[in-house]
Amino acid sequence: MSLDAIARTYRVHRATVARWLAAIREDLDTAVRVRLWDELGVSTTEFQSLWNAVRSDVEVSISRLLAAR
């Protein structure tokens, strides 16, 4: 759905929907990082380097997953 369609559905301004989606993306990003860090068991520095290298691939994969539903 577009921002405008979501806004109409919830009867809010499209800027509100954009803020909602930004917050959801941030929450999802945090949850993925925490889970991955826990699973890998590496240092903060090692994890940050790894996350910087794979972040865009993770974002694309999550976008594809959400679009498939």
PDB file of N, CA and C in Angstrom:
ATOM      1  N   MET A   1       0.837  -1.183   0.000  1.00  0.00           N
ATOM      2  CA  MET A   1       0.000   0.000   0.000  1.00  0.00           C
ATOM      3  C   MET A   1       0.882   1.246   0.000  1.00  0.00           C
ATOM      4  N   SER A   2       0.386   2.268  -0.593  1.00  0.00           N
ATOM      5  CA  SER A   2       1.106   3.540  -0.589  1.00  0.00           C
ATOM      6  C   SER A   2       0.891   4.247   0.746  1.00  0.00           C
ATOM      7  N   LEU A   3       1.713   5.272   1.006  1.00  0.00           N
ATOM      8  CA  LEU A   3       1.533   6.067   2.220  1.00  0.00           C
ATOM      9  C   LEU A   3       0.145   6.688   2.256  1.00  0.00           C
ATOM     10  N   ASP A   4      -0.297   7.177   1.119  1.00  0.00           N
ATOM     11  CA  ASP A   4      -1.616   7.807   1.055  1.00  0.00           C
ATOM     12  C   ASP A   4      -2.729   6.800   1.354  1.00  0.00           C
ATOM     13  N   ALA A   5      -2.607   5.590   0.845  1.00  0.00           N
ATOM     14  CA  ALA A   5      -3.635   4.577   1.086  1.00  0.00           C
ATOM     15  C   ALA A   5      -3.672   4.179   2.560  1.00  0.00           C
ATOM     16  N   ILE A   6      -2.517   4.025   3.152  1.00  0.00           N
ATOM     17  CA  ILE A   6      -2.464   3.696   4.578  1.00  0.00           C
ATOM     18  C   ILE A   6      -3.052   4.837   5.396  1.00  0.00           C
ATOM     19  N   ALA A   7      -2.697   6.064   5.033  1.00  0.00           N
ATOM     20  CA  ALA A   7      -3.209   7.241   5.746  1.00  0.00           C
ATOM     21  C   ALA A   7      -4.733   7.289   5.677  1.00  0.00           C
ATOM     22  N   ARG A   8      -5.295   7.018   4.510  1.00  0.00           N
ATOM     23  CA  ARG A   8      -6.757   7.012   4.374  1.00  0.00           C
ATOM     24  C   ARG A   8      -7.372   5.908   5.234  1.00  0.00           C
ATOM     25  N   THR A   9      -6.750   4.747   5.242  1.00  0.00           N
ATOM     26  CA  THR A   9      -7.267   3.617   6.016  1.00  0.00           C
ATOM     27  C   THR A   9      -7.338   3.946   7.504  1.00  0.00           C
ATOM     28  N   TYR A  10      -6.288   4.590   8.008  1.00  0.00           N
ATOM     29  CA  TYR A  10      -6.229   4.907   9.444  1.00  0.00           C
ATOM     30  C   TYR A  10      -6.708   6.320   9.770  1.00  0.00           C
ATOM     31  N   ARG A  11      -7.103   7.045   8.720  1.00  0.00           N
ATOM     32  CA  ARG A  11      -7.595   8.416   8.868  1.00  0.00           C
ATOM     33  C   ARG A  11      -6.596   9.314   9.593  1.00  0.00           C
ATOM     34  N   VAL A  12      -5.363   9.265   9.093  1.00  0.00           N
ATOM     35  CA  VAL A  12      -4.291  10.114   9.613  1.00  0.00           C
ATOM     36  C   VAL A  12      -3.589  10.760   8.424  1.00  0.00           C
ATOM     37  N   HIS A  13      -2.728  11.709   8.716  1.00  0.00           N
ATOM     38  CA  HIS A  13      -1.947  12.371   7.673  1.00  0.00           C
ATOM     39  C   HIS A  13      -0.851  11.431   7.186  1.00  0.00           C
ATOM     40  N   ARG A  14      -0.484  11.573   5.926  1.00  0.00           N
ATOM     41  CA  ARG A  14       0.561  10.699   5.372  1.00  0.00           C
ATOM     42  C   ARG A  14       1.887  10.871   6.100  1.00  0.00           C
ATOM     43  N   ALA A  15       2.153  12.055   6.672  1.00  0.00           N
ATOM     44  CA  ALA A  15       3.394  12.258   7.443  1.00  0.00           C
ATOM     45  C   ALA A  15       3.390  11.373   8.694  1.00  0.00           C
ATOM     46  N   THR A  16       2.222  11.171   9.266  1.00  0.00           N
ATOM     47  CA  THR A  16       2.100  10.282  10.431  1.00  0.00           C
ATOM     48  C   THR A  16       2.461   8.856  10.028  1.00  0.00           C
ATOM     49  N   VAL A  17       1.962   8.427   8.894  1.00  0.00           N
ATOM     50  CA  VAL A  17       2.276   7.090   8.392  1.00  0.00           C
ATOM     51  C   VAL A  17       3.779   6.964   8.140  1.00  0.00           C
ATOM     52  N   ALA A  18       4.377   7.980   7.566  1.00  0.00           N
ATOM     53  CA  ALA A  18       5.827   7.953   7.313  1.00  0.00           C
ATOM     54  C   ALA A  18       6.592   7.821   8.623  1.00  0.00           C
ATOM     55  N   ARG A  19       6.155   8.525   9.656  1.00  0.00           N
ATOM     56  CA  ARG A  19       6.804   8.410  10.974  1.00  0.00           C
ATOM     57  C   ARG A  19       6.616   7.019  11.555  1.00  0.00           C
ATOM     58  N   TRP A  20       5.411   6.472  11.407  1.00  0.00           N
ATOM     59  CA  TRP A  20       5.158   5.107  11.893  1.00  0.00           C
ATOM     60  C   TRP A  20       6.108   4.117  11.223  1.00  0.00           C
ATOM     61  N   LEU A  21       6.212   4.226   9.911  1.00  0.00           N
ATOM     62  CA  LEU A  21       7.057   3.291   9.168  1.00  0.00           C
ATOM     63  C   LEU A  21       8.532   3.451   9.517  1.00  0.00           C
ATOM     64  N   ALA A  22       8.965   4.688   9.717  1.00  0.00           N
ATOM     65  CA  ALA A  22      10.357   4.919  10.119  1.00  0.00           C
ATOM     66  C   ALA A  22      10.632   4.289  11.486  1.00  0.00           C
ATOM     67  N   ALA A  23       9.688   4.426  12.398  1.00  0.00           N
ATOM     68  CA  ALA A  23       9.851   3.838  13.734  1.00  0.00           C
ATOM     69  C   ALA A  23       9.857   2.314  13.663  1.00  0.00           C
ATOM     70  N   ILE A  24       9.007   1.751  12.827  1.00  0.00           N
ATOM     71  CA  ILE A  24       8.965   0.298  12.656  1.00  0.00           C
ATOM     72  C   ILE A  24      10.279  -0.200  12.075  1.00  0.00           C
ATOM     73  N   ARG A  25      10.787   0.497  11.063  1.00  0.00           N
ATOM     74  CA  ARG A  25      12.077   0.103  10.473  1.00  0.00           C
ATOM     75  C   ARG A  25      13.190   0.143  11.512  1.00  0.00           C
ATOM     76  N   GLU A  26      13.210   1.179  12.333  1.00  0.00           N
ATOM     77  CA  GLU A  26      14.234   1.312  13.372  1.00  0.00           C
ATOM     78  C   GLU A  26      14.113   0.186  14.396  1.00  0.00           C
ATOM     79  N   ASP A  27      12.897  -0.111  14.823  1.00  0.00           N
ATOM     80  CA  ASP A  27      12.678  -1.210  15.776  1.00  0.00           C
ATOM     81  C   ASP A  27      13.113  -2.552  15.186  1.00  0.00           C
ATOM     82  N   LEU A  28      12.782  -2.773  13.928  1.00  0.00           N
ATOM     83  CA  LEU A  28      13.157  -4.010  13.264  1.00  0.00           C
ATOM     84  C   LEU A  28      14.663  -4.111  13.112  1.00  0.00           C
ATOM     85  N   ASP A  29      15.291  -3.006  12.743  1.00  0.00           N
ATOM     86  CA  ASP A  29      16.750  -2.955  12.616  1.00  0.00           C
ATOM     87  C   ASP A  29      17.400  -3.319  13.949  1.00  0.00           C
ATOM     88  N   THR A  30      16.913  -2.738  15.020  1.00  0.00           N
ATOM     89  CA  THR A  30      17.460  -3.010  16.352  1.00  0.00           C
ATOM     90  C   THR A  30      17.271  -4.471  16.730  1.00  0.00           C
ATOM     91  N   ALA A  31      16.084  -5.004  16.500  1.00  0.00           N
ATOM     92  CA  ALA A  31      15.802  -6.395  16.854  1.00  0.00           C
ATOM     93  C   ALA A  31      16.693  -7.364  16.073  1.00  0.00           C
ATOM     94  N   VAL A  32      16.879  -7.093  14.783  1.00  0.00           N
ATOM     95  CA  VAL A  32      17.738  -7.949  13.966  1.00  0.00           C
ATOM     96  C   VAL A  32      19.181  -7.874  14.457  1.00  0.00           C
ATOM     97  N   ARG A  33      19.660  -6.665  14.745  1.00  0.00           N
ATOM     98  CA  ARG A  33      21.037  -6.519  15.244  1.00  0.00           C
ATOM     99  C   ARG A  33      21.247  -7.258  16.557  1.00  0.00           C
ATOM    100  N   VAL A  34      20.329  -7.092  17.493  1.00  0.00           N
ATOM    101  CA  VAL A  34      20.464  -7.738  18.801  1.00  0.00           C
ATOM    102  C   VAL A  34      20.467  -9.255  18.648  1.00  0.00           C
ATOM    103  N   ARG A  35      19.526  -9.762  17.874  1.00  0.00           N
ATOM    104  CA  ARG A  35      19.435 -11.218  17.674  1.00  0.00           C
ATOM    105  C   ARG A  35      20.683 -11.765  17.004  1.00  0.00           C
ATOM    106  N   LEU A  36      21.144 -11.073  15.969  1.00  0.00           N
ATOM    107  CA  LEU A  36      22.332 -11.524  15.246  1.00  0.00           C
ATOM    108  C   LEU A  36      23.564 -11.483  16.142  1.00  0.00           C
ATOM    109  N   TRP A  37      23.715 -10.408  16.902  1.00  0.00           N
ATOM    110  CA  TRP A  37      24.858 -10.270  17.812  1.00  0.00           C
ATOM    111  C   TRP A  37      24.841 -11.405  18.836  1.00  0.00           C
ATOM    112  N   ASP A  38      23.678 -11.685  19.402  1.00  0.00           N
ATOM    113  CA  ASP A  38      23.547 -12.785  20.359  1.00  0.00           C
ATOM    114  C   ASP A  38      23.930 -14.120  19.726  1.00  0.00           C
ATOM    115  N   GLU A  39      23.465 -14.335  18.509  1.00  0.00           N
ATOM    116  CA  GLU A  39      23.737 -15.596  17.815  1.00  0.00           C
ATOM    117  C   GLU A  39      25.220 -15.764  17.487  1.00  0.00           C
ATOM    118  N   LEU A  40      25.863 -14.679  17.075  1.00  0.00           N
ATOM    119  CA  LEU A  40      27.267 -14.763  16.654  1.00  0.00           C
ATOM    120  C   LEU A  40      28.233 -14.818  17.830  1.00  0.00           C
ATOM    121  N   GLY A  41      27.892 -14.151  18.919  1.00  0.00           N
ATOM    122  CA  GLY A  41      28.756 -14.149  20.089  1.00  0.00           C
ATOM    123  C   GLY A  41      30.118 -13.510  19.851  1.00  0.00           C
ATOM    124  N   VAL A  42      30.145 -12.426  19.087  1.00  0.00           N
ATOM    125  CA  VAL A  42      31.403 -11.725  18.799  1.00  0.00           C
ATOM    126  C   VAL A  42      31.463 -10.425  19.593  1.00  0.00           C
ATOM    127  N   SER A  43      32.629  -9.793  19.568  1.00  0.00           N
ATOM    128  CA  SER A  43      32.792  -8.523  20.279  1.00  0.00           C
ATOM    129  C   SER A  43      31.980  -7.426  19.597  1.00  0.00           C
ATOM    130  N   THR A  44      31.794  -6.330  20.321  1.00  0.00           N
ATOM    131  CA  THR A  44      31.056  -5.191  19.779  1.00  0.00           C
ATOM    132  C   THR A  44      31.715  -4.667  18.513  1.00  0.00           C
ATOM    133  N   THR A  45      33.029  -4.536  18.533  1.00  0.00           N
ATOM    134  CA  THR A  45      33.768  -4.022  17.374  1.00  0.00           C
ATOM    135  C   THR A  45      33.636  -4.954  16.180  1.00  0.00           C
ATOM    136  N   GLU A  46      33.782  -6.249  16.418  1.00  0.00           N
ATOM    137  CA  GLU A  46      33.644  -7.221  15.322  1.00  0.00           C
ATOM    138  C   GLU A  46      32.232  -7.189  14.749  1.00  0.00           C
ATOM    139  N   PHE A  47      31.265  -7.128  15.642  1.00  0.00           N
ATOM    140  CA  PHE A  47      29.886  -7.117  15.172  1.00  0.00           C
ATOM    141  C   PHE A  47      29.602  -5.858  14.362  1.00  0.00           C
ATOM    142  N   GLN A  48      30.066  -4.706  14.830  1.00  0.00           N
ATOM    143  CA  GLN A  48      29.798  -3.457  14.113  1.00  0.00           C
ATOM    144  C   GLN A  48      30.395  -3.489  12.714  1.00  0.00           C
ATOM    145  N   SER A  49      31.587  -4.027  12.580  1.00  0.00           N
ATOM    146  CA  SER A  49      32.204  -4.151  11.259  1.00  0.00           C
ATOM    147  C   SER A  49      31.376  -5.063  10.359  1.00  0.00           C
ATOM    148  N   LEU A  50      30.957  -6.196  10.907  1.00  0.00           N
ATOM    149  CA  LEU A  50      30.144  -7.126  10.144  1.00  0.00           C
ATOM    150  C   LEU A  50      28.805  -6.502   9.768  1.00  0.00           C
ATOM    151  N   TRP A  51      28.160  -5.844  10.721  1.00  0.00           N
ATOM    152  CA  TRP A  51      26.849  -5.236  10.462  1.00  0.00           C
ATOM    153  C   TRP A  51      26.953  -4.173   9.372  1.00  0.00           C
ATOM    154  N   ASN A  52      27.991  -3.364   9.419  1.00  0.00           N
ATOM    155  CA  ASN A  52      28.168  -2.335   8.390  1.00  0.00           C
ATOM    156  C   ASN A  52      28.316  -2.964   7.011  1.00  0.00           C
ATOM    157  N   ALA A  53      28.938  -4.133   6.952  1.00  0.00           N
ATOM    158  CA  ALA A  53      29.154  -4.800   5.669  1.00  0.00           C
ATOM    159  C   ALA A  53      27.874  -5.427   5.117  1.00  0.00           C
ATOM    160  N   VAL A  54      26.988  -5.913   5.983  1.00  0.00           N
ATOM    161  CA  VAL A  54      25.815  -6.656   5.506  1.00  0.00           C
ATOM    162  C   VAL A  54      24.489  -5.914   5.661  1.00  0.00           C
ATOM    163  N   ARG A  55      24.497  -4.754   6.265  1.00  0.00           N
ATOM    164  CA  ARG A  55      23.247  -4.055   6.569  1.00  0.00           C
ATOM    165  C   ARG A  55      22.346  -3.852   5.358  1.00  0.00           C
ATOM    166  N   SER A  56      22.891  -3.379   4.264  1.00  0.00           N
ATOM    167  CA  SER A  56      22.033  -3.120   3.100  1.00  0.00           C
ATOM    168  C   SER A  56      21.428  -4.411   2.567  1.00  0.00           C
ATOM    169  N   ASP A  57      22.159  -5.516   2.628  1.00  0.00           N
ATOM    170  CA  ASP A  57      21.603  -6.799   2.194  1.00  0.00           C
ATOM    171  C   ASP A  57      20.475  -7.243   3.120  1.00  0.00           C
ATOM    172  N   VAL A  58      20.639  -7.013   4.412  1.00  0.00           N
ATOM    173  CA  VAL A  58      19.592  -7.363   5.374  1.00  0.00           C
ATOM    174  C   VAL A  58      18.349  -6.524   5.111  1.00  0.00           C
ATOM    175  N   GLU A  59      18.512  -5.233   4.870  1.00  0.00           N
ATOM    176  CA  GLU A  59      17.373  -4.359   4.608  1.00  0.00           C
ATOM    177  C   GLU A  59      16.621  -4.800   3.358  1.00  0.00           C
ATOM    178  N   VAL A  60      17.363  -5.178   2.314  1.00  0.00           N
ATOM    179  CA  VAL A  60      16.719  -5.637   1.074  1.00  0.00           C
ATOM    180  C   VAL A  60      15.982  -6.939   1.330  1.00  0.00           C
ATOM    181  N   SER A  61      16.584  -7.854   2.068  1.00  0.00           N
ATOM    182  CA  SER A  61      15.943  -9.133   2.364  1.00  0.00           C
ATOM    183  C   SER A  61      14.668  -8.938   3.172  1.00  0.00           C
ATOM    184  N   ILE A  62      14.703  -8.057   4.159  1.00  0.00           N
ATOM    185  CA  ILE A  62      13.517  -7.783   4.969  1.00  0.00           C
ATOM    186  C   ILE A  62      12.431  -7.155   4.099  1.00  0.00           C
ATOM    187  N   SER A  63      12.818  -6.239   3.234  1.00  0.00           N
ATOM    188  CA  SER A  63      11.845  -5.607   2.333  1.00  0.00           C
ATOM    189  C   SER A  63      11.178  -6.641   1.440  1.00  0.00           C
ATOM    190  N   ARG A  64      11.963  -7.577   0.913  1.00  0.00           N
ATOM    191  CA  ARG A  64      11.395  -8.634   0.071  1.00  0.00           C
ATOM    192  C   ARG A  64      10.452  -9.520   0.873  1.00  0.00           C
ATOM    193  N   LEU A  65      10.850  -9.851   2.080  1.00  0.00           N
ATOM    194  CA  LEU A  65      10.015 -10.699   2.931  1.00  0.00           C
ATOM    195  C   LEU A  65       8.676 -10.030   3.216  1.00  0.00           C
ATOM    196  N   LEU A  66       8.708  -8.749   3.565  1.00  0.00           N
ATOM    197  CA  LEU A  66       7.474  -8.029   3.862  1.00  0.00           C
ATOM    198  C   LEU A  66       6.602  -7.873   2.620  1.00  0.00           C
ATOM    199  N   ALA A  67       7.231  -7.675   1.465  1.00  0.00           N
ATOM    200  CA  ALA A  67       6.474  -7.503   0.232  1.00  0.00           C
ATOM    201  C   ALA A  67       5.788  -8.804  -0.181  1.00  0.00           C
ATOM    202  N   ALA A  68       6.372  -9.931   0.176  1.00  0.00           N
ATOM    203  CA  ALA A  68       5.807 -11.230  -0.195  1.00  0.00           C
ATOM    204  C   ALA A  68       4.542 -11.550   0.577  1.00  0.00           C
ATOM    205  N   ARG A  69       4.349 -10.889   1.700  1.00  0.00           N
ATOM    206  CA  ARG A  69       3.164 -11.185   2.526  1.00  0.00           C
ATOM    207  C   ARG A  69       2.062 -10.377   2.014  1.00  0.00           C
TER     208      ARG A  69
END
